[in-house]
Protein backbone atom coordinates (compact mmCIF):
# COMPACT_ATOMS: atom_id res chain seq x y z
CA UNK A 1 126.20 -102.00 -140.71
CA UNK A 2 125.26 -103.54 -137.40
CA UNK A 3 123.65 -106.96 -137.19
CA UNK A 4 120.42 -105.28 -136.14
CA UNK A 5 120.47 -103.08 -139.24
CA UNK A 6 121.35 -106.04 -141.45
CA UNK A 7 118.60 -108.15 -139.92
CA UNK A 8 116.08 -105.39 -140.55
CA UNK A 9 117.09 -104.86 -144.20
CA UNK A 10 117.56 -108.46 -145.40
CA UNK A 11 113.93 -109.59 -145.36
CA UNK A 12 112.88 -106.39 -147.12
CA UNK A 13 115.37 -107.03 -149.91
CA UNK A 14 114.56 -110.74 -150.07
CA UNK A 15 118.12 -111.67 -149.09
CA UNK A 16 117.31 -113.62 -145.96
CA UNK A 17 114.41 -114.35 -143.69
CA UNK A 18 116.19 -114.49 -140.37
CA UNK A 19 119.17 -112.17 -140.64
CA UNK A 20 122.89 -112.55 -140.87
CA UNK A 21 123.44 -115.85 -139.06
CA UNK A 22 120.89 -117.72 -141.18
CA UNK A 23 122.37 -116.18 -144.31
CA UNK A 24 125.87 -117.57 -143.63
CA UNK A 25 124.90 -120.83 -141.94
CA UNK A 26 126.37 -123.79 -143.85
CA UNK A 27 128.06 -121.49 -146.39
CA UNK A 28 131.39 -122.62 -147.81
CA UNK A 29 132.22 -119.07 -148.91
CA UNK A 30 131.13 -115.72 -147.48
CA UNK A 31 132.01 -112.56 -149.39
CA UNK A 32 131.62 -109.32 -147.50
CA UNK A 33 130.60 -106.19 -149.38
CA UNK A 34 130.48 -103.51 -146.72
CA UNK A 35 132.58 -100.58 -145.59
CA UNK A 36 135.82 -101.92 -144.12
CA UNK A 37 134.91 -100.41 -140.77
CA UNK A 38 131.88 -102.71 -140.60
CA UNK A 39 133.62 -105.96 -141.54
CA UNK A 40 135.02 -106.79 -138.09
CA UNK A 41 131.56 -106.37 -136.55
CA UNK A 42 129.99 -108.47 -139.30
CA UNK A 43 132.60 -111.19 -138.83
CA UNK A 44 132.00 -111.27 -135.08
CA UNK A 45 128.22 -111.36 -135.56
CA UNK A 46 128.30 -114.22 -138.04
CA UNK A 47 131.03 -116.23 -136.30
CA UNK A 48 128.66 -118.47 -134.28
CA UNK A 49 126.90 -119.58 -137.46
CA UNK A 50 129.96 -120.17 -139.65
CA UNK A 51 130.83 -123.79 -140.26
CA UNK A 52 134.33 -125.06 -139.70
CA UNK A 53 136.42 -124.53 -142.80
CA UNK A 54 134.31 -121.73 -144.30
CA UNK A 55 136.21 -119.06 -146.22
CA UNK A 56 135.63 -115.33 -145.71
CA UNK A 57 136.71 -112.71 -148.23
CA UNK A 58 135.70 -109.18 -149.16
CA UNK A 59 135.27 -107.24 -152.40
CA UNK A 60 137.35 -104.24 -151.37
CA UNK A 61 140.97 -103.79 -150.64
CA UNK A 62 141.71 -106.17 -147.80
CA UNK A 63 142.67 -104.30 -144.68
CA UNK A 64 144.95 -106.43 -142.45
CA UNK A 65 143.69 -104.56 -139.36
CA UNK A 66 140.10 -105.80 -139.67
CA UNK A 67 141.26 -109.32 -140.51
CA UNK A 68 143.46 -109.36 -137.41
CA UNK A 69 140.61 -108.06 -135.25
CA UNK A 70 138.24 -110.68 -136.65
CA UNK A 71 140.47 -113.78 -136.48
CA UNK A 72 139.77 -114.53 -132.82
CA UNK A 73 136.01 -114.52 -133.37
CA UNK A 74 136.24 -116.61 -136.51
CA UNK A 75 139.04 -119.05 -135.66
CA UNK A 76 137.22 -121.96 -137.36
CA UNK A 77 137.29 -120.43 -140.85
CA UNK A 78 139.88 -119.56 -143.51
CA UNK A 79 140.80 -116.05 -144.54
CA UNK A 80 141.75 -115.43 -148.17
CA UNK A 81 143.42 -112.37 -149.66
């Protein structure tokens, strides 16, 4: 899911008013529940809003490839397996 798609769906579902970055802002823990192919894009899109020390995880089998591709964009957060 792209950030544009997420931003369009969230208000409709009552999940957020202003999209992905407002959803994760100030979060200590972010759990991704998306196809693995979307996780790197989601991580890059939310990176500017993540606070230092936040933890990102996912509900699926963790794919080291998407974690590696997302680390540069999210250097201020922790990754948990």
